[in-house]
Amino acid sequence: MLTISKADSSLDQRDAFSRAAQNLFDKAKLVAEGGQYSEAGSLILKALDQERRAQSSGPQVLQLIKPRN
């Protein structure tokens, strides 16, 4: 069972990843508007990685339902 402090830190970490992703998307938009498409693409890939990290942070629930024999 998770303690409250672990749950809070998981939420904080998820929020940090989400904010980082949004910042990278915003920066990618500005860079793309300036015509630097390669750099914008790199920033988008970094943002997607941050989004993935946000989704996978926190407790993972595995094998909660056990099959009946």
C-alpha atoms as a PDB file:
ATOM      1  CA  MET A   1       0.000   0.000   0.000  1.00  0.00           C
ATOM      2  CA  LEU A   2       1.258   3.461  -0.842  1.00  0.00           C
ATOM      3  CA  THR A   3       1.848   6.051   1.770  1.00  0.00           C
ATOM      4  CA  ILE A   4       0.501   9.529   1.224  1.00  0.00           C
ATOM      5  CA  SER A   5       3.963  11.003   0.755  1.00  0.00           C
ATOM      6  CA  LYS A   6       4.786   8.502  -2.012  1.00  0.00           C
ATOM      7  CA  ALA A   7       1.472   9.196  -3.718  1.00  0.00           C
ATOM      8  CA  ASP A   8       2.089  12.945  -3.500  1.00  0.00           C
ATOM      9  CA  SER A   9       5.596  12.601  -4.903  1.00  0.00           C
ATOM     10  CA  SER A  10       4.251  10.486  -7.774  1.00  0.00           C
ATOM     11  CA  LEU A  11       1.717  13.187  -8.589  1.00  0.00           C
ATOM     12  CA  ASP A  12       4.386  15.877  -8.336  1.00  0.00           C
ATOM     13  CA  GLN A  13       6.633  13.902 -10.661  1.00  0.00           C
ATOM     14  CA  ARG A  14       3.784  13.350 -13.129  1.00  0.00           C
ATOM     15  CA  ASP A  15       2.988  17.072 -13.066  1.00  0.00           C
ATOM     16  CA  ALA A  16       6.648  17.943 -13.635  1.00  0.00           C
ATOM     17  CA  PHE A  17       6.836  15.653 -16.666  1.00  0.00           C
ATOM     18  CA  SER A  18       3.590  17.106 -18.038  1.00  0.00           C
ATOM     19  CA  ARG A  19       4.808  20.680 -17.587  1.00  0.00           C
ATOM     20  CA  ALA A  20       8.121  19.835 -19.240  1.00  0.00           C
ATOM     21  CA  ALA A  21       6.270  18.300 -22.185  1.00  0.00           C
ATOM     22  CA  GLN A  22       4.071  21.368 -22.591  1.00  0.00           C
ATOM     23  CA  ASN A  23       7.085  23.676 -22.432  1.00  0.00           C
ATOM     24  CA  LEU A  24       8.847  21.641 -25.114  1.00  0.00           C
ATOM     25  CA  PHE A  25       5.754  21.676 -27.354  1.00  0.00           C
ATOM     26  CA  ASP A  26       5.498  25.453 -26.955  1.00  0.00           C
ATOM     27  CA  LYS A  27       9.176  25.890 -27.776  1.00  0.00           C
ATOM     28  CA  ALA A  28       8.824  23.567 -30.790  1.00  0.00           C
ATOM     29  CA  LYS A  29       5.974  25.705 -32.114  1.00  0.00           C
ATOM     30  CA  LEU A  30       8.044  28.873 -31.861  1.00  0.00           C
ATOM     31  CA  VAL A  31      11.049  27.240 -33.489  1.00  0.00           C
ATOM     32  CA  ALA A  32       8.893  25.839 -36.317  1.00  0.00           C
ATOM     33  CA  GLU A  33       7.378  29.259 -36.924  1.00  0.00           C
ATOM     34  CA  GLY A  34      10.939  30.495 -37.351  1.00  0.00           C
ATOM     35  CA  GLY A  35      11.550  27.897 -40.042  1.00  0.00           C
ATOM     36  CA  GLN A  36      13.807  25.576 -38.066  1.00  0.00           C
ATOM     37  CA  TYR A  37      11.848  22.392 -38.739  1.00  0.00           C
ATOM     38  CA  SER A  38      14.579  19.922 -37.823  1.00  0.00           C
ATOM     39  CA  GLU A  39      15.015  21.528 -34.402  1.00  0.00           C
ATOM     40  CA  ALA A  40      11.231  21.628 -33.943  1.00  0.00           C
ATOM     41  CA  GLY A  41      11.044  17.920 -34.725  1.00  0.00           C
ATOM     42  CA  SER A  42      13.686  17.156 -32.114  1.00  0.00           C
ATOM     43  CA  LEU A  43      11.822  19.198 -29.524  1.00  0.00           C
ATOM     44  CA  ILE A  44       8.566  17.392 -30.330  1.00  0.00           C
ATOM     45  CA  LEU A  45      10.258  14.020 -29.833  1.00  0.00           C
ATOM     46  CA  LYS A  46      11.586  15.189 -26.468  1.00  0.00           C
ATOM     47  CA  ALA A  47       8.117  16.406 -25.509  1.00  0.00           C
ATOM     48  CA  LEU A  48       6.573  13.066 -26.440  1.00  0.00           C
ATOM     49  CA  ASP A  49       9.146  11.331 -24.244  1.00  0.00           C
ATOM     50  CA  GLN A  50       8.144  13.566 -21.331  1.00  0.00           C
ATOM     51  CA  GLU A  51       4.483  12.730 -21.947  1.00  0.00           C
ATOM     52  CA  ARG A  52       5.328   9.020 -21.924  1.00  0.00           C
ATOM     53  CA  ARG A  53       7.172   9.443 -18.644  1.00  0.00           C
ATOM     54  CA  ALA A  54       4.203  11.298 -17.156  1.00  0.00           C
ATOM     55  CA  GLN A  55       1.851   8.495 -18.112  1.00  0.00           C
ATOM     56  CA  SER A  56       4.088   5.775 -16.717  1.00  0.00           C
ATOM     57  CA  SER A  57       5.019   7.521 -13.466  1.00  0.00           C
ATOM     58  CA  GLY A  58       3.255   6.521 -10.307  1.00  0.00           C
ATOM     59  CA  PRO A  59       2.176   3.173  -8.996  1.00  0.00           C
ATOM     60  CA  GLN A  60       1.795   0.318 -11.429  1.00  0.00           C
ATOM     61  CA  VAL A  61      -0.932  -2.235 -10.763  1.00  0.00           C
ATOM     62  CA  LEU A  62      -0.080  -5.681 -12.026  1.00  0.00           C
ATOM     63  CA  GLN A  63      -1.814  -8.997 -11.548  1.00  0.00           C
ATOM     64  CA  LEU A  64      -4.504  -7.650  -9.297  1.00  0.00           C
ATOM     65  CA  ILE A  65      -7.039 -10.165 -10.522  1.00  0.00           C
ATOM     66  CA  LYS A  66      -5.881 -13.728 -10.106  1.00  0.00           C
ATOM     67  CA  PRO A  67      -7.375 -16.469 -12.256  1.00  0.00           C
ATOM     68  CA  ARG A  68      -9.456 -19.129 -10.579  1.00  0.00           C
ATOM     69  CA  ASN A  69      -8.184 -22.673 -10.832  1.00  0.00           C
END
